Protein backbone atom coordinates (compact mmCIF):
# COMPACT_ATOMS: atom_id res chain seq x y z
CA LEU A 1 71.77 8.87 6.18
CA LEU A 2 71.23 11.03 9.36
CA SER A 3 74.96 12.10 9.28
CA VAL A 4 74.48 13.43 5.76
CA LEU A 5 71.07 15.04 6.46
CA CYS A 6 72.24 16.80 9.51
CA SER A 7 75.36 18.38 7.87
CA GLY A 8 75.91 22.09 7.79
CA ASP A 9 74.81 22.37 4.23
CA CYS A 10 71.37 23.12 5.45
CA GLN A 11 72.54 26.42 6.91
CA LEU A 12 73.29 27.58 3.34
CA HIS A 13 69.71 27.29 2.24
CA THR A 14 67.63 29.05 4.89
CA SER A 15 64.43 28.83 2.76
CA CYS A 16 64.76 25.00 2.49
CA GLY A 17 62.93 23.22 5.27
CA ILE A 18 64.81 19.88 4.96
CA GLN A 19 66.48 20.33 8.37
CA LYS A 20 63.05 20.66 10.05
CA CYS A 21 61.86 17.53 8.10
CA THR A 22 64.90 15.69 9.39
CA THR A 23 64.47 16.86 12.97
CA ASP A 24 60.89 15.72 13.01
CA PHE A 25 61.87 12.24 11.59
CA VAL A 26 64.47 11.84 14.43
CA SER A 27 61.81 12.80 16.98
CA PHE A 28 59.40 10.29 15.46
CA THR A 29 61.89 7.47 15.55
CA SER A 30 64.18 8.09 18.53
CA HIS A 31 62.04 6.10 20.99
CA LEU A 32 61.36 3.11 18.73
CA ASN A 33 62.87 -0.29 19.69
CA VAL A 34 63.68 -2.54 16.74
CA ALA A 35 62.90 -5.55 18.96
CA LEU A 36 59.23 -4.63 19.35
CA GLU A 37 56.54 -6.13 17.18
CA ASP A 38 55.11 -2.70 15.99
CA PHE A 39 58.60 -1.28 15.08
CA ASP A 40 58.07 -1.66 11.26
CA LEU A 41 54.57 -0.12 11.52
CA GLU A 42 55.75 3.02 13.40
CA PHE A 43 58.89 3.37 11.37
CA CYS A 44 56.99 3.36 8.10
CA LYS A 45 54.53 6.01 9.45
CA ALA A 46 57.65 8.15 10.26
CA LEU A 47 59.08 7.61 6.84
CA ARG A 48 55.86 8.69 5.10
CA ALA A 49 55.75 11.76 7.28
CA TYR A 50 59.26 12.41 6.29
CA SER A 51 58.44 11.94 2.61
CA VAL A 52 55.36 14.27 2.73
CA CYS A 53 57.61 16.97 4.37
CA THR A 54 60.33 16.70 1.70
CA TYR A 55 57.58 16.94 -1.03
CA ARG A 56 56.22 20.15 0.45
CA ASN A 57 59.74 21.55 0.31
CA SER A 58 60.50 20.14 -3.22
CA LYS A 59 60.56 23.64 -4.97
CA VAL A 60 62.51 25.64 -2.47
CA CYS A 61 65.04 22.77 -1.90
CA ARG A 62 65.58 22.02 -5.62
CA GLY A 63 69.29 22.94 -5.53
CA ASN A 64 70.00 21.48 -2.08
CA LEU A 65 72.17 18.41 -2.08
CA VAL A 66 71.07 17.39 1.33
CA TYR A 67 67.45 17.44 0.20
CA HIS A 68 68.12 15.15 -2.72
CA SER A 69 70.13 12.80 -0.46
CA ALA A 70 67.12 12.73 1.87
CA VAL A 71 64.71 11.81 -0.96
CA LEU A 72 66.88 9.03 -2.11
CA GLY A 73 67.51 7.85 1.50
CA ILE A 74 63.78 7.80 2.21
CA GLY A 75 63.10 5.67 -0.81
CA ASP A 76 65.83 3.17 0.05
CA LEU A 77 64.55 2.86 3.70
CA MET A 78 60.96 2.39 2.55
CA THR A 79 62.02 -0.42 0.30
CA GLN A 80 64.05 -2.11 3.02
CA ARG A 81 61.16 -1.93 5.44
CA ASN A 82 58.50 -2.86 2.78
CA CYS A 83 56.70 0.39 3.59
CA THR A 84 53.81 1.34 1.34
CA LYS A 85 53.79 4.93 -0.01
CA ASP A 86 50.10 5.38 0.96
CA GLY A 87 49.11 4.99 4.63
CA PRO A 88 49.05 6.78 8.02
CA THR A 89 51.84 9.19 8.96
CA SER A 90 53.22 10.16 12.29
CA SER A 91 51.81 13.24 14.24
CA THR A 92 53.16 16.67 13.29
CA ASN A 93 53.82 17.17 16.90
CA PRO A 94 55.73 13.95 17.87
CA GLU A 95 56.71 15.17 21.36
CA MET A 96 52.99 15.45 22.25
CA SER A 97 51.56 12.40 20.50
CA HIS A 98 50.17 9.72 22.57
CA ASP A 99 48.50 6.39 21.50
CA PRO A 100 46.82 4.84 24.61
CA CYS A 101 46.80 1.56 22.90
CA ASP A 102 50.56 1.40 22.36
CA TYR A 103 52.30 0.14 25.48
CA SER A 104 55.85 0.95 24.14
CA GLY A 105 54.94 4.64 24.11
CA HIS A 106 53.58 4.87 27.67
CA THR A 107 57.09 5.42 29.15
CA GLU A 108 57.81 8.36 26.77
CA VAL A 109 54.42 9.93 27.63
CA ARG A 110 55.10 9.61 31.44
CA GLU A 111 58.45 11.22 30.95
CA HIS A 112 56.95 14.16 28.97
CA LEU A 113 54.13 14.78 31.43
CA GLY A 114 56.10 14.22 34.64
CA GLY A 115 59.43 15.54 33.60
CA GLU A 116 61.33 12.66 35.17
CA LYS A 117 63.41 10.03 33.39
CA THR A 118 61.63 6.67 33.31
CA PRO A 119 63.62 3.49 32.65
CA PRO A 120 62.36 1.44 29.62
CA PRO A 121 60.01 -1.38 30.38
CA THR A 122 61.49 -4.76 31.30
CA TYR A 123 60.12 -7.75 29.34
CA LEU A 124 59.87 -11.33 30.54
CA PHE A 125 59.55 -14.64 28.68
CA CYS A 126 57.81 -17.88 29.43
CA GLY A 127 57.61 -21.02 27.27
CA LEU A 128 56.01 -24.56 27.44
CA PHE A 129 56.80 -27.43 25.16
CA GLY A 130 57.38 -31.10 24.92
CA ASP A 131 56.62 -33.49 27.86
CA PRO A 132 56.08 -30.66 29.11
CA HIS A 133 59.11 -28.58 29.79
CA LEU A 134 58.47 -25.09 31.28
CA ARG A 135 60.65 -22.08 31.22
CA THR A 136 59.27 -19.56 33.69
CA PHE A 137 59.38 -15.82 33.68
CA LYS A 138 62.25 -16.10 36.15
CA ASP A 139 64.25 -18.21 33.59
CA HIS A 140 63.85 -21.35 35.67
CA PHE A 141 63.61 -24.50 33.65
CA GLN A 142 61.41 -27.40 34.83
CA THR A 143 60.08 -30.72 33.60
CA CYS A 144 56.63 -31.36 35.07
CA LYS A 145 53.67 -33.75 35.04
CA VAL A 146 50.77 -31.24 35.49
CA GLU A 147 48.12 -33.53 34.01
CA GLY A 148 44.80 -31.78 33.31
CA ALA A 149 44.06 -28.13 33.13
CA TRP A 150 46.62 -25.65 34.68
CA PRO A 151 46.99 -21.84 34.63
CA LEU A 152 50.25 -20.61 32.96
CA ILE A 153 49.31 -16.96 33.49
CA ASP A 154 46.54 -15.20 35.37
CA ASN A 155 46.82 -11.50 35.87
CA ASN A 156 44.68 -8.36 35.44
CA TYR A 157 45.32 -8.32 31.66
CA LEU A 158 45.73 -11.87 30.52
CA SER A 159 44.82 -15.41 31.32
CA VAL A 160 46.36 -18.48 29.74
CA GLN A 161 45.39 -21.93 30.63
CA VAL A 162 46.84 -25.25 29.27
CA THR A 163 45.52 -28.72 29.31
CA ASN A 164 48.00 -31.64 29.39
CA VAL A 165 47.34 -35.25 28.66
CA PRO A 166 49.61 -38.46 29.15
CA VAL A 167 51.75 -39.23 26.16
CA VAL A 168 52.82 -42.80 27.00
CA ALA A 169 50.84 -45.47 28.84
CA GLY A 170 52.36 -46.08 32.21
CA SER A 171 54.32 -42.80 32.31
CA SER A 172 53.65 -39.72 34.30
CA ALA A 173 55.03 -37.47 31.49
CA THR A 174 52.36 -35.36 29.64
CA ALA A 175 52.06 -32.94 26.74
CA THR A 176 49.82 -30.07 25.92
CA ASN A 177 46.79 -30.62 23.72
CA LYS A 178 44.75 -27.61 24.46
CA ILE A 179 45.43 -23.85 25.09
CA THR A 180 42.90 -21.22 26.13
CA ILE A 181 43.82 -17.53 26.25
CA ILE A 182 41.65 -14.62 27.48
CA PHE A 183 42.67 -11.06 26.63
CA LYS A 184 40.77 -9.04 29.11
CA SER A 185 38.99 -5.86 28.01
CA TYR A 186 41.15 -2.77 28.31
CA GLN A 187 39.92 0.85 28.00
CA ASP A 188 39.01 1.55 24.28
CA CYS A 189 41.73 -0.71 22.97
CA THR A 190 39.90 -4.06 22.98
CA ASP A 191 36.91 -5.88 24.22
CA GLN A 192 37.51 -9.25 26.00
CA LYS A 193 38.74 -11.72 23.43
CA VAL A 194 38.98 -15.51 23.93
CA TYR A 195 41.27 -17.62 21.81
CA GLN A 196 41.22 -21.54 21.93
CA ALA A 197 43.45 -24.10 20.18
CA VAL A 198 43.23 -27.91 20.49
CA THR A 199 45.12 -30.61 18.71
CA ASP A 200 44.47 -30.41 14.95
CA ASP A 201 42.51 -27.18 15.33
CA LEU A 202 44.85 -24.09 15.50
CA PRO A 203 42.64 -21.38 14.29
CA ALA A 204 43.71 -17.93 13.02
CA ALA A 205 40.85 -16.25 14.80
CA PHE A 206 39.34 -15.75 18.15
CA VAL A 207 36.36 -17.80 19.34
CA ASP A 208 33.95 -15.07 18.10
CA GLY A 209 35.35 -15.39 14.57
CA THR A 210 37.22 -12.06 14.54
CA THR A 211 40.95 -11.62 14.06
CA SER A 212 41.50 -8.44 15.99
CA GLY A 213 40.20 -6.52 19.01
CA GLY A 214 39.20 -2.86 19.27
CA ASP A 215 39.42 -0.52 16.38
CA GLY A 216 40.61 -2.55 13.36
CA ASN A 217 42.69 0.49 12.21
CA THR A 218 44.77 0.69 15.31
CA ARG A 219 45.45 -3.09 15.36
CA SER A 220 45.94 -2.97 19.18
CA LEU A 221 45.34 -6.70 19.16
CA HIS A 222 45.43 -9.09 16.22
CA ILE A 223 46.25 -12.65 15.09
CA VAL A 224 48.77 -13.48 12.32
CA GLU A 225 48.63 -16.93 10.80
CA LYS A 226 52.17 -17.86 9.92
CA VAL A 227 51.66 -21.52 8.81
CA SER A 228 48.06 -22.63 8.20
CA GLY A 229 46.91 -24.90 11.12
CA LYS A 230 50.48 -25.10 12.45
CA TYR A 231 51.71 -21.74 13.67
CA ILE A 232 50.00 -18.52 14.71
CA GLU A 233 51.19 -15.31 16.48
CA MET A 234 49.09 -12.95 18.57
CA HIS A 235 50.22 -9.42 19.03
CA ALA A 236 48.62 -7.35 21.88
CA ARG A 237 50.19 -3.90 21.25
CA TYR A 238 48.18 -2.22 24.04
CA ILE A 239 49.88 -4.46 26.76
CA GLY A 240 53.17 -5.04 24.89
CA THR A 241 52.67 -8.67 24.70
CA THR A 242 53.43 -11.26 22.00
CA VAL A 243 52.28 -14.98 21.93
CA TYR A 244 53.49 -17.73 19.68
CA ILE A 245 51.51 -20.94 19.40
CA ARG A 246 52.54 -24.03 17.34
CA GLN A 247 51.35 -27.50 16.72
CA LEU A 248 54.12 -30.07 16.23
CA GLY A 249 52.98 -33.65 15.92
CA HIS A 250 50.01 -34.11 18.10
CA TYR A 251 50.81 -31.43 20.64
CA LEU A 252 50.95 -27.80 21.19
CA THR A 253 53.74 -25.41 22.29
CA LEU A 254 53.44 -21.94 23.61
CA ALA A 255 55.88 -18.95 24.00
CA ILE A 256 55.06 -15.43 25.38
CA ARG A 257 56.71 -12.22 26.08
CA MET A 258 55.15 -9.68 28.32
CA PRO A 259 56.19 -6.59 30.35
CA ARG A 260 57.30 -7.36 33.91
CA GLU A 261 54.99 -4.75 35.43
CA LEU A 262 51.91 -6.37 33.93
CA VAL A 263 53.05 -10.00 34.70
CA MET A 264 53.20 -8.89 38.29
CA ALA A 265 49.77 -7.23 38.24
CA TYR A 266 47.70 -9.96 40.02
CA GLU A 267 45.88 -10.58 43.17
CA GLU A 268 46.89 -12.94 46.04
CA SER A 269 44.26 -15.33 44.84
CA GLN A 270 45.83 -15.63 41.43
CA ASP A 271 49.22 -16.97 42.74
CA LEU A 272 48.95 -20.34 40.97
CA GLN A 273 50.66 -19.43 37.77
CA LEU A 274 53.12 -21.82 36.31
CA CYS A 275 54.91 -19.04 34.31
CA VAL A 276 55.35 -17.06 37.54
CA ASN A 277 55.97 -19.55 40.24
CA GLY A 278 56.75 -22.77 38.40
CA CYS A 279 55.18 -26.15 38.96
CA PRO A 280 54.30 -27.32 42.50
CA SER A 281 57.02 -29.62 43.91
CA SER A 282 54.67 -32.59 43.75
CA GLU A 283 54.32 -32.08 40.01
CA ARG A 284 58.02 -31.97 39.28
CA ILE A 285 59.78 -34.70 37.38
CA ASP A 286 63.26 -33.15 37.31
CA GLN A 287 63.76 -33.07 41.08
CA SER A 288 65.20 -29.52 40.88
CA GLY A 289 68.25 -30.80 38.92
CA HIS A 290 69.58 -32.75 41.85
CA LEU A 291 70.17 -36.48 41.30
CA PRO A 292 70.94 -39.58 43.66
CA LEU A 293 73.73 -40.55 41.38
CA PRO A 294 74.66 -43.86 43.23
CA VAL A 295 71.03 -45.04 43.05
CA VAL A 296 70.83 -44.28 39.29
CA GLU A 297 74.12 -46.17 38.59
CA LYS A 298 72.63 -49.30 40.42
CA LEU A 299 69.29 -49.15 38.68
CA LEU A 300 70.72 -48.52 35.17
CA PRO A 301 74.43 -49.22 34.66
CA TRP A 302 76.35 -46.71 32.41
CA GLY A 303 75.97 -47.67 28.77
CA ALA A 304 72.72 -49.60 29.22
CA ALA A 305 69.88 -48.97 26.63
CA ALA A 306 67.31 -46.76 28.15
CA HIS A 307 63.66 -48.02 27.46
CA PRO A 308 64.31 -49.60 24.09
CA ARG A 309 60.55 -49.78 23.60
CA SER A 310 60.72 -46.11 22.64
CA GLY A 311 62.82 -47.00 19.60
CA TYR A 312 65.75 -44.88 20.76
CA THR A 313 68.79 -45.52 22.74
CA LEU A 314 70.66 -42.81 24.53
CA GLU A 315 73.14 -42.70 21.60
CA THR A 316 70.56 -42.57 18.81
CA ALA A 317 68.43 -40.00 20.58
CA THR A 318 71.45 -37.79 21.12
CA THR A 319 72.38 -38.11 17.44
CA LYS A 320 68.87 -37.23 16.43
CA CYS A 321 68.56 -34.14 18.55
CA HIS A 322 72.08 -32.94 17.62
CA GLU A 323 70.92 -32.75 13.87
CA LYS A 324 68.67 -29.80 14.97
CA MET A 325 70.44 -28.28 17.93
CA LEU A 326 74.22 -27.87 17.94
CA VAL A 327 74.46 -26.27 21.33
CA LYS A 328 74.11 -28.88 24.17
CA ASP A 329 71.92 -26.78 26.45
CA ILE A 330 68.78 -27.79 28.34
CA TYR A 331 66.67 -27.67 25.20
CA PHE A 332 69.02 -30.27 23.65
CA TYR A 333 68.74 -32.63 26.65
CA SER A 334 64.99 -32.06 26.83
CA CYS A 335 64.79 -33.30 23.31
CA VAL A 336 66.82 -36.30 24.18
CA PHE A 337 64.60 -37.03 27.22
CA ASP A 338 61.50 -36.77 25.11
CA LEU A 339 62.72 -39.13 22.51
CA LEU A 340 63.71 -41.69 24.99
CA THR A 341 60.37 -41.32 26.81
CA THR A 342 58.03 -41.29 23.76
CA GLY A 343 59.79 -42.42 20.70
CA ASP A 344 58.08 -39.53 18.87
CA ALA A 345 60.48 -37.61 16.58
CA ASN A 346 58.09 -34.59 16.59
CA PHE A 347 59.40 -33.71 20.00
CA THR A 348 62.77 -32.93 18.36
CA ALA A 349 61.12 -30.31 16.27
CA ALA A 350 59.22 -29.07 19.38
CA ALA A 351 62.45 -28.56 21.26
CA HIS A 352 64.14 -26.88 18.26
CA SER A 353 61.10 -24.55 17.72
CA ALA A 354 61.06 -23.64 21.37
CA LEU A 355 64.64 -22.46 21.22
CA GLN A 356 63.84 -20.48 18.16
CA ASP A 357 61.01 -18.76 20.04
CA VAL A 358 63.28 -17.96 22.81
CA GLU A 359 65.71 -16.29 20.35
CA ALA A 360 62.75 -14.31 18.86
CA LEU A 361 61.02 -13.22 22.09
CA HIS A 362 63.51 -13.32 25.03
CA PRO A 363 64.86 -9.85 25.65
CA SER A 364 68.38 -10.98 26.89
CA LYS A 365 70.52 -12.83 24.35
CA GLU A 366 72.95 -13.84 27.10
CA HIS A 367 70.18 -15.79 28.75
CA TRP A 368 68.86 -17.64 25.72
CA HIS A 369 70.68 -20.79 26.53
CA ILE A 370 70.24 -22.66 29.91
CA PHE A 371 72.74 -25.41 30.88
CA PRO A 372 72.23 -28.19 33.29
CA ARG A 373 73.35 -27.55 36.78
CA SER A 374 76.08 -29.62 38.39
CA GLY A 375 74.98 -32.67 40.22
CA GLY A 376 76.34 -34.44 43.33
CA GLY A 377 79.72 -36.21 43.40
CA GLY A 378 81.53 -33.38 41.60
CA VAL A 379 80.17 -34.15 38.17
CA GLY A 380 80.21 -30.81 36.38
CA ARG A 381 78.07 -28.99 33.74
CA GLY A 382 78.57 -30.16 30.19
CA SER A 383 79.78 -33.71 31.34
CA LYS A 384 78.45 -36.39 29.09
CA PHE A 385 78.37 -38.80 32.10
CA PHE A 386 76.40 -36.36 34.21
CA VAL A 387 73.90 -35.43 31.54
CA SER A 388 73.36 -39.19 30.69
CA LEU A 389 72.56 -39.71 34.48
CA VAL A 390 70.21 -36.72 34.47
CA LEU A 391 68.26 -38.15 31.46
CA LEU A 392 68.15 -41.73 32.97
CA CYS A 393 66.98 -40.38 36.26
CA LEU A 394 64.24 -38.27 34.66
CA ILE A 395 63.02 -41.18 32.69
CA LEU A 396 62.92 -43.44 35.74
CA VAL A 397 60.94 -40.87 37.67
CA ALA A 398 58.60 -40.41 34.83
CA TYR A 399 57.76 -44.11 34.75
CA LEU A 400 57.41 -44.48 38.50
C-alpha cells in the first residue's frame, strides 16, 4: 500500500493533499510494534486519522489514482484490524504527541526531547505452572516446593504473590491455588488496584469491583476475560506489562511479560522474588539439573514402573504428554513429571498452556523452548535414558 501511495504520481496533482495524509500515517505508525498489546488500538487510531485526511481532500483529489488507492487500502486495513469507523484518531502532530500512560511511547519521546537515539525497551518473561515449575526472568527453569505464600515479583510498580499447597499426600510437590497482584498507583494513569484469584474463583474484575484503572477512556490498565472463570488477561499499558492467569483443574497458572528496566526497579529489601532470583536452594526439587545417576539406577532400575499409584507409568505418561506437545522440551518433561507425581491429567493441559503463553508473551522466539541440560556420565541432551533418569530422580526427591 505505501509503495503505491508514495509513488511520484502525487507530484502531478499539487493541489491534492494525499501525500501529506500518507506522510502523517507513516509518522503515526512507524514506532508501533505489532507484538505489543496496544498495537491494534493505536493502528486503528492512525487509520481513522488517515481516513479523515483523505475525506477532507476528496474534492481536490477526485482524479488522483493514488488518492483512490489510498481510500481502498484504508478500507481493507480497517477490515483486517477490525477497526471501527468512529473513534479516537491520532494527533495531528505525531512527532510531538506523548501519552504518559503508554509505556511503548516513552522511548520515542525521550529521543525527541533529548535528540539521542534510545534503544527499544527490552521485555522479560516469567511463568509459573504445574507442581510448580518456574521459568524466571533470566530464562532459568526450576521445579520447586515453595509451600505457602511466596513473592513472585515485588518492585516499585507491581507485586505478585502466589500461595502453593501440597498436591499429593506424602509428597513435597505443591501447586498454586491463590494469586494476589497489586498494581501500584502511578501518576494519573491508575490508582492502586488489587486483583485476587483463588481456585474456582477467577474473577474478571479487581477486588473493588472495577475492571480498569485510571481514566476509562485511556484504558491504561484493564482486565479482559477470555474464558469465563478459566482464563483472564490483564494489560497494564502504562508499564508495558501483560499478565495471563488460568485455572486448569484445581490449580492456577501465571505468565507475565514486563520491561526489564521496571523489573529491576526494586530495593535491596525486595530481593526475595522468585521470578528474579529463582527459588532458594532449600526449596528446589530439580537439584539444578544435576543427577547422581548411579544412585538412581540402584533405587529404580531402568524400565521399572514409577509410582504406579499415580495411575501412570513412564511410558503412558510420556504418551499422554506427547498428544499435546510434540517438541520434547522442558515443558514436555514437566508434564510427564506431573502426571507421574499426581496422576492428574489436568497438569498436561497446564504444561501445554504454559508453553502457549511463552509463545504469546516471550519476546525471543529462539528462547521459547528450553531443553534439559546434560547430566553426569556423558548422557546428553535429548537422550531418552537421561530424561527418564531425570524424571525418576525428581519424583524420588519429591517424595523424600
